Amino acid sequence: MSKRSTAEFVFATAQYDSGDWDSAPLVPANVIDSVARYTGIPVAPTGVVVPLADERMLRYPLLYLTGHLPVRFSNAERDNVRRFVDRGGLLFVDDHNHDIDGTFHKTATEEIARAVGPLSELPNDHPLYSAFFHFDGPPTTSHELNGWGDNLVHAHLLAVLRENRIGVLYSNKDYSSEWNYHPSNKRFLTVDDTRFAVNIVVYALTA
């Protein structure tokens, strides 16, 4: 999959047959707003929904996948995820439950392992964290800091690497809840909490 940093970036949400893939419907608009606000990357004004079972998903450099409920990939979904990662795509999976014992986490990590291999901790000095803004590891979320979910602040994200490049990025931190608001609400924030999404997009387009 070629990097298309000079082409228009389209934010793509992955639709899968099991679970509730559309549990964070405002995330795409918020991320699109951030990419347009902070970078010079040409970005489509609206995102798309792309079924994992459809080969069209291979067109996109970044796919966002979230949900609360169990995830079970069909054979076609699993095969396309494998092809997507092997061709250089980045699948960003975020647990909307912000826990490590929930059904989304257990099933999603099993399906990722079946498709592309097991997840491991991503070092907090990985180039992802300096792809645009600088972070000393994954930013915490209000859900972690307020003790919701599993009462843990997750110090690392998880990843599957292909030749030292992230193919799957997995988060227990529930960025889906953190970013699921209308972009105009950013004016109430001291620090825009969607800046890390910009890093993910820039990394997917350039790494």
N, C-alpha and C. Protein backbone atom coordinates (compact mmCIF):
# COMPACT_ATOMS: atom_id res chain seq x y z
N MET A 1 0.86 -1.20 0.00
CA MET A 1 0.00 0.00 0.00
C MET A 1 0.89 1.24 0.00
N SER A 2 0.74 2.05 -0.99
CA SER A 2 1.58 3.23 -1.08
C SER A 2 1.09 4.31 -0.15
N LYS A 3 2.01 5.12 0.34
CA LYS A 3 1.66 6.24 1.20
C LYS A 3 1.17 7.38 0.32
N ARG A 4 0.04 7.96 0.71
CA ARG A 4 -0.58 8.98 -0.13
C ARG A 4 -0.65 10.30 0.63
N SER A 5 0.52 10.76 1.12
CA SER A 5 0.54 11.97 1.94
C SER A 5 0.15 13.21 1.14
N THR A 6 0.25 13.15 -0.19
CA THR A 6 -0.12 14.31 -1.01
C THR A 6 -1.56 14.20 -1.51
N ALA A 7 -2.20 13.05 -1.29
CA ALA A 7 -3.59 12.87 -1.71
C ALA A 7 -4.51 13.24 -0.55
N GLU A 8 -5.79 13.34 -0.86
CA GLU A 8 -6.76 13.69 0.17
C GLU A 8 -6.94 12.52 1.13
N PHE A 9 -6.77 12.79 2.41
CA PHE A 9 -6.95 11.77 3.43
C PHE A 9 -8.44 11.61 3.73
N VAL A 10 -8.88 10.36 3.78
CA VAL A 10 -10.27 10.05 4.11
C VAL A 10 -10.28 9.22 5.39
N PHE A 11 -10.98 9.71 6.38
CA PHE A 11 -11.07 8.97 7.64
C PHE A 11 -12.08 7.83 7.47
N ALA A 12 -11.62 6.60 7.67
CA ALA A 12 -12.45 5.42 7.42
C ALA A 12 -12.73 4.68 8.71
N THR A 13 -14.00 4.47 8.99
CA THR A 13 -14.43 3.67 10.14
C THR A 13 -14.75 2.26 9.68
N ALA A 14 -14.20 1.28 10.36
CA ALA A 14 -14.39 -0.12 9.98
C ALA A 14 -15.73 -0.63 10.50
N GLN A 15 -16.50 -1.20 9.59
CA GLN A 15 -17.77 -1.84 9.95
C GLN A 15 -17.55 -3.36 9.94
N TYR A 16 -17.92 -4.01 11.04
CA TYR A 16 -17.79 -5.45 11.11
C TYR A 16 -19.14 -6.03 11.51
N ASP A 17 -19.38 -7.29 11.15
CA ASP A 17 -20.71 -7.87 11.28
C ASP A 17 -21.13 -8.10 12.72
N SER A 18 -20.18 -8.38 13.60
CA SER A 18 -20.50 -8.59 15.01
C SER A 18 -20.37 -7.28 15.77
N GLY A 19 -21.02 -7.19 16.93
CA GLY A 19 -20.79 -6.06 17.82
C GLY A 19 -21.42 -4.76 17.36
N ASP A 20 -20.97 -3.65 18.00
CA ASP A 20 -21.53 -2.32 17.74
C ASP A 20 -20.43 -1.41 17.21
N TRP A 21 -20.08 -1.58 15.95
CA TRP A 21 -18.98 -0.87 15.32
C TRP A 21 -19.20 0.64 15.30
N ASP A 22 -20.46 1.10 15.40
CA ASP A 22 -20.79 2.52 15.28
C ASP A 22 -21.06 3.17 16.64
N SER A 23 -20.37 2.73 17.66
CA SER A 23 -20.66 3.21 19.02
C SER A 23 -20.12 4.61 19.30
N ALA A 24 -19.26 5.14 18.46
CA ALA A 24 -18.69 6.48 18.68
C ALA A 24 -18.84 7.32 17.41
N PRO A 25 -20.05 7.73 17.07
CA PRO A 25 -20.30 8.32 15.75
C PRO A 25 -19.71 9.71 15.54
N LEU A 26 -19.32 10.42 16.61
CA LEU A 26 -18.78 11.77 16.45
C LEU A 26 -17.26 11.80 16.34
N VAL A 27 -16.60 10.66 16.55
CA VAL A 27 -15.14 10.62 16.47
C VAL A 27 -14.63 11.03 15.08
N PRO A 28 -15.18 10.50 13.99
CA PRO A 28 -14.64 10.88 12.67
C PRO A 28 -14.62 12.38 12.43
N ALA A 29 -15.74 13.07 12.70
CA ALA A 29 -15.79 14.51 12.47
C ALA A 29 -14.77 15.26 13.31
N ASN A 30 -14.57 14.79 14.54
CA ASN A 30 -13.63 15.46 15.44
C ASN A 30 -12.19 15.27 14.97
N VAL A 31 -11.85 14.06 14.53
CA VAL A 31 -10.50 13.80 14.04
C VAL A 31 -10.25 14.56 12.74
N ILE A 32 -11.24 14.55 11.84
CA ILE A 32 -11.11 15.29 10.59
C ILE A 32 -10.86 16.77 10.88
N ASP A 33 -11.60 17.34 11.82
CA ASP A 33 -11.40 18.74 12.20
C ASP A 33 -9.99 18.98 12.70
N SER A 34 -9.46 18.05 13.51
CA SER A 34 -8.11 18.22 14.05
C SER A 34 -7.05 18.15 12.97
N VAL A 35 -7.20 17.20 12.04
CA VAL A 35 -6.22 17.08 10.95
C VAL A 35 -6.22 18.37 10.12
N ALA A 36 -7.41 18.89 9.82
CA ALA A 36 -7.50 20.13 9.05
C ALA A 36 -6.98 21.33 9.83
N ARG A 37 -7.20 21.33 11.12
CA ARG A 37 -6.83 22.46 11.98
C ARG A 37 -5.32 22.57 12.17
N TYR A 38 -4.67 21.43 12.35
CA TYR A 38 -3.27 21.45 12.77
C TYR A 38 -2.26 21.15 11.67
N THR A 39 -2.68 20.48 10.62
CA THR A 39 -1.71 20.04 9.61
C THR A 39 -2.05 20.63 8.25
N GLY A 40 -1.16 20.43 7.31
CA GLY A 40 -1.42 20.82 5.92
C GLY A 40 -1.90 19.67 5.07
N ILE A 41 -2.28 18.57 5.70
CA ILE A 41 -2.73 17.39 4.97
C ILE A 41 -4.10 17.67 4.34
N PRO A 42 -4.26 17.51 3.04
CA PRO A 42 -5.60 17.63 2.45
C PRO A 42 -6.50 16.54 3.02
N VAL A 43 -7.66 16.91 3.52
CA VAL A 43 -8.51 15.94 4.20
C VAL A 43 -9.95 16.09 3.71
N ALA A 44 -10.60 14.96 3.46
CA ALA A 44 -12.00 14.97 3.07
C ALA A 44 -12.85 15.48 4.22
N PRO A 45 -13.87 16.29 3.94
CA PRO A 45 -14.66 16.90 5.02
C PRO A 45 -15.53 15.92 5.78
N THR A 46 -15.81 14.77 5.21
CA THR A 46 -16.58 13.74 5.90
C THR A 46 -15.86 12.41 5.77
N GLY A 47 -16.09 11.56 6.76
CA GLY A 47 -15.50 10.24 6.73
C GLY A 47 -16.37 9.24 5.97
N VAL A 48 -15.88 8.02 5.90
CA VAL A 48 -16.62 6.94 5.26
C VAL A 48 -16.69 5.76 6.21
N VAL A 49 -17.69 4.94 5.99
CA VAL A 49 -17.81 3.65 6.68
C VAL A 49 -17.50 2.57 5.66
N VAL A 50 -16.58 1.68 6.01
CA VAL A 50 -16.16 0.66 5.05
C VAL A 50 -16.23 -0.72 5.72
N PRO A 51 -16.98 -1.65 5.14
CA PRO A 51 -17.07 -3.00 5.71
C PRO A 51 -15.73 -3.72 5.63
N LEU A 52 -15.36 -4.39 6.71
CA LEU A 52 -14.11 -5.15 6.69
C LEU A 52 -14.16 -6.29 5.68
N ALA A 53 -15.35 -6.77 5.38
CA ALA A 53 -15.48 -7.88 4.43
C ALA A 53 -15.38 -7.42 2.98
N ASP A 54 -15.36 -6.11 2.75
CA ASP A 54 -15.33 -5.54 1.40
C ASP A 54 -13.90 -5.15 1.06
N GLU A 55 -13.45 -5.54 -0.11
CA GLU A 55 -12.07 -5.23 -0.50
C GLU A 55 -11.81 -3.74 -0.62
N ARG A 56 -12.84 -2.91 -0.63
CA ARG A 56 -12.64 -1.47 -0.65
C ARG A 56 -11.87 -0.98 0.56
N MET A 57 -11.91 -1.75 1.65
CA MET A 57 -11.18 -1.34 2.85
C MET A 57 -9.67 -1.27 2.60
N LEU A 58 -9.20 -1.95 1.58
CA LEU A 58 -7.78 -1.94 1.27
C LEU A 58 -7.32 -0.61 0.67
N ARG A 59 -8.26 0.26 0.30
CA ARG A 59 -7.89 1.54 -0.30
C ARG A 59 -7.37 2.55 0.71
N TYR A 60 -7.66 2.34 1.97
CA TYR A 60 -7.43 3.37 2.98
C TYR A 60 -6.16 3.08 3.77
N PRO A 61 -5.36 4.11 4.08
CA PRO A 61 -4.14 3.88 4.86
C PRO A 61 -4.41 3.67 6.34
N LEU A 62 -5.58 4.12 6.83
CA LEU A 62 -5.92 4.03 8.25
C LEU A 62 -7.38 3.61 8.38
N LEU A 63 -7.62 2.61 9.23
CA LEU A 63 -8.97 2.20 9.58
C LEU A 63 -9.13 2.30 11.09
N TYR A 64 -10.27 2.86 11.51
CA TYR A 64 -10.59 3.01 12.93
C TYR A 64 -11.68 2.00 13.28
N LEU A 65 -11.44 1.22 14.34
CA LEU A 65 -12.39 0.20 14.75
C LEU A 65 -12.61 0.31 16.25
N THR A 66 -13.88 0.33 16.65
CA THR A 66 -14.19 0.41 18.07
C THR A 66 -15.47 -0.35 18.35
N GLY A 67 -15.89 -0.35 19.62
CA GLY A 67 -17.12 -1.00 20.02
C GLY A 67 -17.09 -1.38 21.49
N HIS A 68 -18.24 -1.85 21.98
CA HIS A 68 -18.37 -2.33 23.36
C HIS A 68 -18.54 -3.85 23.44
N LEU A 69 -19.08 -4.42 22.39
CA LEU A 69 -19.58 -5.80 22.42
C LEU A 69 -18.56 -6.77 21.84
N PRO A 70 -18.79 -8.07 21.99
CA PRO A 70 -17.85 -9.05 21.44
C PRO A 70 -17.59 -8.87 19.95
N VAL A 71 -16.35 -9.10 19.55
CA VAL A 71 -15.93 -8.98 18.16
C VAL A 71 -15.57 -10.37 17.65
N ARG A 72 -16.24 -10.78 16.60
CA ARG A 72 -15.88 -12.04 15.94
C ARG A 72 -15.83 -11.78 14.45
N PHE A 73 -14.63 -11.84 13.88
CA PHE A 73 -14.47 -11.60 12.46
C PHE A 73 -14.96 -12.81 11.67
N SER A 74 -15.62 -12.53 10.56
CA SER A 74 -15.90 -13.58 9.60
C SER A 74 -14.61 -13.94 8.87
N ASN A 75 -14.65 -15.01 8.10
CA ASN A 75 -13.45 -15.39 7.36
C ASN A 75 -13.03 -14.27 6.40
N ALA A 76 -14.01 -13.65 5.74
CA ALA A 76 -13.68 -12.57 4.80
C ALA A 76 -13.10 -11.37 5.53
N GLU A 77 -13.66 -11.02 6.69
CA GLU A 77 -13.13 -9.90 7.47
C GLU A 77 -11.70 -10.19 7.93
N ARG A 78 -11.49 -11.38 8.41
CA ARG A 78 -10.15 -11.76 8.90
C ARG A 78 -9.13 -11.74 7.76
N ASP A 79 -9.50 -12.27 6.62
CA ASP A 79 -8.58 -12.29 5.47
C ASP A 79 -8.25 -10.87 5.03
N ASN A 80 -9.24 -9.97 5.01
CA ASN A 80 -8.99 -8.60 4.58
C ASN A 80 -8.15 -7.83 5.59
N VAL A 81 -8.36 -8.09 6.87
CA VAL A 81 -7.51 -7.45 7.88
C VAL A 81 -6.06 -7.88 7.67
N ARG A 82 -5.84 -9.15 7.41
CA ARG A 82 -4.48 -9.64 7.18
C ARG A 82 -3.88 -8.98 5.93
N ARG A 83 -4.64 -8.92 4.87
CA ARG A 83 -4.16 -8.28 3.65
C ARG A 83 -3.88 -6.80 3.86
N PHE A 84 -4.76 -6.14 4.58
CA PHE A 84 -4.62 -4.72 4.86
C PHE A 84 -3.32 -4.42 5.60
N VAL A 85 -3.05 -5.18 6.65
CA VAL A 85 -1.83 -4.97 7.43
C VAL A 85 -0.60 -5.34 6.62
N ASP A 86 -0.65 -6.46 5.90
CA ASP A 86 0.50 -6.88 5.11
C ASP A 86 0.82 -5.89 4.00
N ARG A 87 -0.17 -5.14 3.52
CA ARG A 87 0.04 -4.16 2.46
C ARG A 87 0.44 -2.79 3.00
N GLY A 88 0.57 -2.65 4.31
CA GLY A 88 1.06 -1.41 4.88
C GLY A 88 0.03 -0.54 5.54
N GLY A 89 -1.21 -1.02 5.69
CA GLY A 89 -2.23 -0.23 6.37
C GLY A 89 -2.07 -0.25 7.87
N LEU A 90 -2.71 0.70 8.53
CA LEU A 90 -2.71 0.77 9.99
C LEU A 90 -4.15 0.64 10.48
N LEU A 91 -4.41 -0.39 11.25
CA LEU A 91 -5.71 -0.61 11.88
C LEU A 91 -5.61 -0.12 13.33
N PHE A 92 -6.39 0.93 13.66
CA PHE A 92 -6.41 1.47 15.02
C PHE A 92 -7.67 0.95 15.72
N VAL A 93 -7.46 0.12 16.73
CA VAL A 93 -8.56 -0.50 17.47
C VAL A 93 -8.59 0.10 18.86
N ASP A 94 -9.75 0.64 19.25
CA ASP A 94 -9.88 1.26 20.57
C ASP A 94 -11.05 0.62 21.31
N ASP A 95 -10.78 0.13 22.51
CA ASP A 95 -11.80 -0.48 23.35
C ASP A 95 -12.67 0.61 23.96
N HIS A 96 -13.92 0.66 23.55
CA HIS A 96 -14.84 1.68 24.04
C HIS A 96 -15.29 1.40 25.48
N ASN A 97 -14.87 0.26 26.04
CA ASN A 97 -15.21 -0.06 27.43
C ASN A 97 -14.13 0.39 28.41
N HIS A 98 -12.97 0.79 27.92
CA HIS A 98 -11.80 1.13 28.74
C HIS A 98 -11.56 0.13 29.87
N ASP A 99 -11.43 -1.14 29.51
CA ASP A 99 -11.07 -2.15 30.51
C ASP A 99 -10.30 -3.28 29.84
N ILE A 100 -9.76 -4.18 30.67
CA ILE A 100 -8.97 -5.29 30.14
C ILE A 100 -9.65 -6.64 30.34
N ASP A 101 -10.79 -6.65 31.01
CA ASP A 101 -11.50 -7.91 31.27
C ASP A 101 -12.82 -7.99 30.53
N GLY A 102 -13.16 -6.96 29.77
CA GLY A 102 -14.44 -6.94 29.07
C GLY A 102 -14.44 -7.81 27.83
N THR A 103 -15.64 -8.02 27.32
CA THR A 103 -15.78 -8.91 26.17
C THR A 103 -15.18 -8.32 24.90
N PHE A 104 -15.25 -6.99 24.73
CA PHE A 104 -14.62 -6.41 23.54
C PHE A 104 -13.12 -6.70 23.56
N HIS A 105 -12.48 -6.41 24.68
CA HIS A 105 -11.03 -6.60 24.75
C HIS A 105 -10.65 -8.05 24.50
N LYS A 106 -11.31 -8.95 25.18
CA LYS A 106 -10.94 -10.36 25.06
C LYS A 106 -11.12 -10.86 23.63
N THR A 107 -12.24 -10.52 23.03
CA THR A 107 -12.52 -11.04 21.69
C THR A 107 -11.75 -10.30 20.61
N ALA A 108 -11.61 -8.98 20.75
CA ALA A 108 -10.88 -8.22 19.73
C ALA A 108 -9.42 -8.63 19.68
N THR A 109 -8.80 -8.80 20.85
CA THR A 109 -7.39 -9.20 20.85
C THR A 109 -7.22 -10.62 20.32
N GLU A 110 -8.19 -11.48 20.58
CA GLU A 110 -8.13 -12.83 20.01
C GLU A 110 -8.23 -12.78 18.49
N GLU A 111 -9.14 -11.96 17.98
CA GLU A 111 -9.31 -11.88 16.53
C GLU A 111 -8.10 -11.25 15.85
N ILE A 112 -7.52 -10.24 16.49
CA ILE A 112 -6.30 -9.64 15.93
C ILE A 112 -5.19 -10.67 15.86
N ALA A 113 -5.03 -11.46 16.93
CA ALA A 113 -3.99 -12.49 16.94
C ALA A 113 -4.24 -13.52 15.85
N ARG A 114 -5.49 -13.89 15.64
CA ARG A 114 -5.80 -14.87 14.60
C ARG A 114 -5.51 -14.32 13.21
N ALA A 115 -5.72 -13.03 13.04
CA ALA A 115 -5.56 -12.43 11.71
C ALA A 115 -4.12 -12.08 11.40
N VAL A 116 -3.43 -11.45 12.35
CA VAL A 116 -2.10 -10.89 12.03
C VAL A 116 -1.03 -11.17 13.08
N GLY A 117 -1.39 -11.84 14.18
CA GLY A 117 -0.39 -12.14 15.19
C GLY A 117 -0.68 -11.43 16.50
N PRO A 118 0.00 -11.85 17.57
CA PRO A 118 -0.29 -11.32 18.90
C PRO A 118 0.17 -9.88 19.07
N LEU A 119 -0.54 -9.17 19.94
CA LEU A 119 -0.18 -7.81 20.31
C LEU A 119 0.89 -7.81 21.38
N SER A 120 1.73 -6.79 21.38
CA SER A 120 2.73 -6.60 22.43
C SER A 120 2.80 -5.12 22.78
N GLU A 121 3.39 -4.80 23.91
CA GLU A 121 3.47 -3.41 24.35
C GLU A 121 4.28 -2.57 23.37
N LEU A 122 3.76 -1.41 23.04
CA LEU A 122 4.47 -0.47 22.18
C LEU A 122 5.31 0.44 23.06
N PRO A 123 6.62 0.51 22.85
CA PRO A 123 7.46 1.39 23.69
C PRO A 123 7.00 2.83 23.62
N ASN A 124 7.08 3.52 24.75
CA ASN A 124 6.60 4.90 24.81
C ASN A 124 7.52 5.90 24.14
N ASP A 125 8.65 5.43 23.60
CA ASP A 125 9.49 6.30 22.78
C ASP A 125 9.37 5.96 21.29
N HIS A 126 8.32 5.22 20.95
CA HIS A 126 8.11 4.86 19.54
C HIS A 126 7.88 6.13 18.71
N PRO A 127 8.30 6.14 17.44
CA PRO A 127 8.10 7.33 16.59
C PRO A 127 6.66 7.80 16.49
N LEU A 128 5.69 6.93 16.75
CA LEU A 128 4.29 7.36 16.75
C LEU A 128 4.08 8.58 17.65
N TYR A 129 4.77 8.59 18.78
CA TYR A 129 4.53 9.63 19.79
C TYR A 129 5.21 10.96 19.47
N SER A 130 5.95 11.00 18.38
CA SER A 130 6.53 12.26 17.92
C SER A 130 6.25 12.50 16.45
N ALA A 131 5.24 11.79 15.91
CA ALA A 131 4.93 11.90 14.48
C ALA A 131 4.48 13.30 14.10
N PHE A 132 3.87 14.02 15.04
CA PHE A 132 3.48 15.42 14.81
C PHE A 132 3.62 16.19 16.12
N PHE A 133 2.73 15.95 17.06
CA PHE A 133 2.91 16.47 18.41
C PHE A 133 3.81 15.52 19.19
N HIS A 134 4.41 16.03 20.28
CA HIS A 134 5.26 15.17 21.10
C HIS A 134 4.49 14.72 22.34
N PHE A 135 4.53 13.40 22.56
CA PHE A 135 3.93 12.79 23.75
C PHE A 135 4.94 11.85 24.38
N ASP A 136 4.93 11.78 25.69
CA ASP A 136 5.77 10.83 26.42
C ASP A 136 4.99 9.55 26.66
N GLY A 137 4.54 8.94 25.58
CA GLY A 137 3.68 7.78 25.68
C GLY A 137 2.24 8.18 25.43
N PRO A 138 1.32 7.22 25.54
CA PRO A 138 -0.08 7.48 25.20
C PRO A 138 -0.74 8.43 26.19
N PRO A 139 -1.41 9.48 25.73
CA PRO A 139 -2.08 10.39 26.64
C PRO A 139 -3.15 9.66 27.46
N THR A 140 -3.26 10.04 28.72
CA THR A 140 -4.30 9.46 29.55
C THR A 140 -5.66 10.04 29.18
N THR A 141 -6.71 9.34 29.56
CA THR A 141 -8.07 9.80 29.31
C THR A 141 -8.75 10.10 30.64
N SER A 142 -9.80 10.89 30.57
CA SER A 142 -10.54 11.23 31.79
C SER A 142 -11.15 10.00 32.43
N HIS A 143 -11.46 8.99 31.64
CA HIS A 143 -12.06 7.76 32.17
C HIS A 143 -11.06 7.01 33.04
N GLU A 144 -9.82 6.98 32.61
CA GLU A 144 -8.78 6.36 33.44
C GLU A 144 -8.56 7.16 34.72
N LEU A 145 -8.42 8.46 34.56
CA LEU A 145 -8.08 9.31 35.72
C LEU A 145 -9.22 9.36 36.74
N ASN A 146 -10.45 9.16 36.29
CA ASN A 146 -11.60 9.18 37.20
C ASN A 146 -11.93 7.81 37.76
N GLY A 147 -11.12 6.81 37.39
CA GLY A 147 -11.33 5.48 37.96
C GLY A 147 -12.47 4.70 37.35
N TRP A 148 -12.92 5.09 36.16
CA TRP A 148 -13.98 4.33 35.49
C TRP A 148 -13.37 3.10 34.82
N GLY A 149 -14.18 2.10 34.57
CA GLY A 149 -13.69 0.92 33.87
C GLY A 149 -12.89 0.02 34.79
N ASP A 150 -11.63 -0.26 34.46
CA ASP A 150 -10.83 -1.20 35.23
C ASP A 150 -9.98 -0.53 36.30
N ASN A 151 -10.15 0.78 36.51
CA ASN A 151 -9.42 1.52 37.54
C ASN A 151 -7.92 1.54 37.31
N LEU A 152 -7.51 1.38 36.06
CA LEU A 152 -6.10 1.41 35.71
C LEU A 152 -5.81 2.55 34.74
N VAL A 153 -4.64 3.15 34.89
CA VAL A 153 -4.11 4.04 33.86
C VAL A 153 -3.15 3.20 33.03
N HIS A 154 -3.52 2.94 31.80
CA HIS A 154 -2.72 2.04 30.95
C HIS A 154 -1.49 2.78 30.44
N ALA A 155 -0.34 2.29 30.84
CA ALA A 155 0.92 2.99 30.56
C ALA A 155 1.38 2.83 29.12
N HIS A 156 0.88 1.81 28.44
CA HIS A 156 1.31 1.54 27.08
C HIS A 156 0.11 1.21 26.20
N LEU A 157 0.24 1.50 24.92
CA LEU A 157 -0.64 0.92 23.93
C LEU A 157 -0.04 -0.40 23.46
N LEU A 158 -0.83 -1.20 22.81
CA LEU A 158 -0.37 -2.47 22.28
C LEU A 158 -0.30 -2.37 20.76
N ALA A 159 0.52 -3.21 20.15
CA ALA A 159 0.69 -3.11 18.70
C ALA A 159 1.12 -4.45 18.12
N VAL A 160 0.81 -4.61 16.84
CA VAL A 160 1.41 -5.64 15.99
C VAL A 160 2.27 -4.91 14.99
N LEU A 161 3.53 -5.29 14.90
CA LEU A 161 4.48 -4.61 14.01
C LEU A 161 4.74 -5.45 12.77
N ARG A 162 4.95 -4.75 11.68
CA ARG A 162 5.41 -5.36 10.43
C ARG A 162 6.66 -4.59 10.00
N GLU A 163 7.81 -5.27 10.08
CA GLU A 163 9.09 -4.65 9.73
C GLU A 163 9.26 -3.31 10.47
N ASN A 164 9.03 -3.36 11.78
CA ASN A 164 9.18 -2.22 12.69
C ASN A 164 8.15 -1.12 12.48
N ARG A 165 7.16 -1.36 11.64
CA ARG A 165 6.09 -0.39 11.43
C ARG A 165 4.81 -0.93 12.06
N ILE A 166 4.02 -0.04 12.67
CA ILE A 166 2.78 -0.46 13.30
C ILE A 166 1.77 -0.88 12.24
N GLY A 167 1.29 -2.12 12.35
CA GLY A 167 0.21 -2.59 11.49
C GLY A 167 -1.13 -2.54 12.19
N VAL A 168 -1.12 -2.87 13.49
CA VAL A 168 -2.31 -2.75 14.33
C VAL A 168 -1.91 -1.99 15.60
N LEU A 169 -2.65 -0.95 15.91
CA LEU A 169 -2.47 -0.19 17.16
C LEU A 169 -3.71 -0.44 18.00
N TYR A 170 -3.51 -0.91 19.23
CA TYR A 170 -4.63 -1.28 20.10
C TYR A 170 -4.58 -0.48 21.39
N SER A 171 -5.75 0.06 21.76
CA SER A 171 -5.85 0.91 22.94
C SER A 171 -6.91 0.40 23.91
N ASN A 172 -6.54 0.31 25.19
CA ASN A 172 -7.51 0.08 26.27
C ASN A 172 -7.97 1.39 26.90
N LYS A 173 -7.56 2.51 26.35
CA LYS A 173 -7.72 3.79 27.03
C LYS A 173 -9.05 4.49 26.74
N ASP A 174 -9.84 3.94 25.82
CA ASP A 174 -11.14 4.49 25.45
C ASP A 174 -11.03 5.91 24.91
N TYR A 175 -10.18 6.08 23.91
CA TYR A 175 -10.16 7.35 23.19
C TYR A 175 -11.50 7.58 22.49
N SER A 176 -12.24 6.51 22.23
CA SER A 176 -13.52 6.65 21.55
C SER A 176 -14.50 7.49 22.36
N SER A 177 -14.51 7.31 23.67
CA SER A 177 -15.33 8.18 24.52
C SER A 177 -14.73 9.57 24.63
N GLU A 178 -13.41 9.63 24.73
CA GLU A 178 -12.72 10.91 24.90
C GLU A 178 -12.90 11.83 23.70
N TRP A 179 -12.99 11.26 22.51
CA TRP A 179 -13.06 12.05 21.27
C TRP A 179 -14.47 12.10 20.67
N ASN A 180 -15.46 11.57 21.37
CA ASN A 180 -16.80 11.44 20.80
C ASN A 180 -17.66 12.66 21.15
N TYR A 181 -17.24 13.83 20.66
CA TYR A 181 -18.01 15.05 20.86
C TYR A 181 -17.91 15.90 19.60
N HIS A 182 -18.77 16.90 19.51
CA HIS A 182 -18.74 17.76 18.34
C HIS A 182 -17.48 18.62 18.36
N PRO A 183 -16.81 18.81 17.21
CA PRO A 183 -15.56 19.59 17.19
C PRO A 183 -15.67 20.97 17.82
N SER A 184 -16.85 21.59 17.77
CA SER A 184 -16.97 22.93 18.34
C SER A 184 -16.76 22.94 19.84
N ASN A 185 -16.88 21.79 20.49
CA ASN A 185 -16.69 21.72 21.94
C ASN A 185 -15.22 21.87 22.35
N LYS A 186 -14.32 21.83 21.37
CA LYS A 186 -12.90 21.98 21.71
C LYS A 186 -12.60 23.33 22.34
N ARG A 187 -13.43 24.31 22.09
CA ARG A 187 -13.15 25.63 22.65
C ARG A 187 -13.22 25.64 24.17
N PHE A 188 -13.81 24.59 24.75
CA PHE A 188 -13.89 24.51 26.21
C PHE A 188 -12.69 23.79 26.82
N LEU A 189 -11.80 23.28 25.98
CA LEU A 189 -10.66 22.50 26.46
C LEU A 189 -9.42 23.36 26.57
N THR A 190 -8.68 23.21 27.68
CA THR A 190 -7.40 23.89 27.82
C THR A 190 -6.39 23.32 26.83
N VAL A 191 -6.36 21.99 26.71
CA VAL A 191 -5.51 21.29 25.75
C VAL A 191 -6.39 20.36 24.93
N ASP A 192 -6.34 20.49 23.64
CA ASP A 192 -7.17 19.67 22.76
C ASP A 192 -6.79 18.20 22.90
N ASP A 193 -7.73 17.39 23.36
CA ASP A 193 -7.41 15.98 23.62
C ASP A 193 -7.42 15.12 22.36
N THR A 194 -7.73 15.70 21.21
CA THR A 194 -7.66 14.92 19.96
C THR A 194 -6.32 15.06 19.24
N ARG A 195 -5.37 15.75 19.85
CA ARG A 195 -4.07 15.93 19.18
C ARG A 195 -3.39 14.59 18.92
N PHE A 196 -3.59 13.62 19.81
CA PHE A 196 -2.97 12.32 19.59
C PHE A 196 -3.53 11.64 18.35
N ALA A 197 -4.80 11.90 18.04
CA ALA A 197 -5.38 11.36 16.81
C ALA A 197 -4.63 11.89 15.60
N VAL A 198 -4.17 13.12 15.66
CA VAL A 198 -3.38 13.70 14.56
C VAL A 198 -2.10 12.88 14.38
N ASN A 199 -1.45 12.53 15.48
CA ASN A 199 -0.24 11.70 15.36
C ASN A 199 -0.53 10.38 14.68
N ILE A 200 -1.65 9.76 15.02
CA ILE A 200 -1.98 8.48 14.42
C ILE A 200 -2.18 8.64 12.91
N VAL A 201 -2.88 9.69 12.51
CA VAL A 201 -3.11 9.93 11.08
C VAL A 201 -1.79 10.21 10.36
N VAL A 202 -0.97 11.09 10.92
CA VAL A 202 0.30 11.43 10.28
C VAL A 202 1.19 10.19 10.18
N TYR A 203 1.23 9.41 11.24
CA TYR A 203 2.04 8.19 11.21
C TYR A 203 1.55 7.25 10.12
N ALA A 204 0.24 7.04 10.04
CA ALA A 204 -0.32 6.14 9.03
C ALA A 204 0.01 6.60 7.62
N LEU A 205 0.11 7.90 7.40
CA LEU A 205 0.35 8.43 6.07
C LEU A 205 1.83 8.48 5.70
N THR A 206 2.70 8.48 6.68
CA THR A 206 4.11 8.76 6.38
C THR A 206 5.09 7.68 6.81
N ALA A 207 4.72 6.82 7.74
CA ALA A 207 5.69 5.85 8.25
C ALA A 207 5.98 4.74 7.23
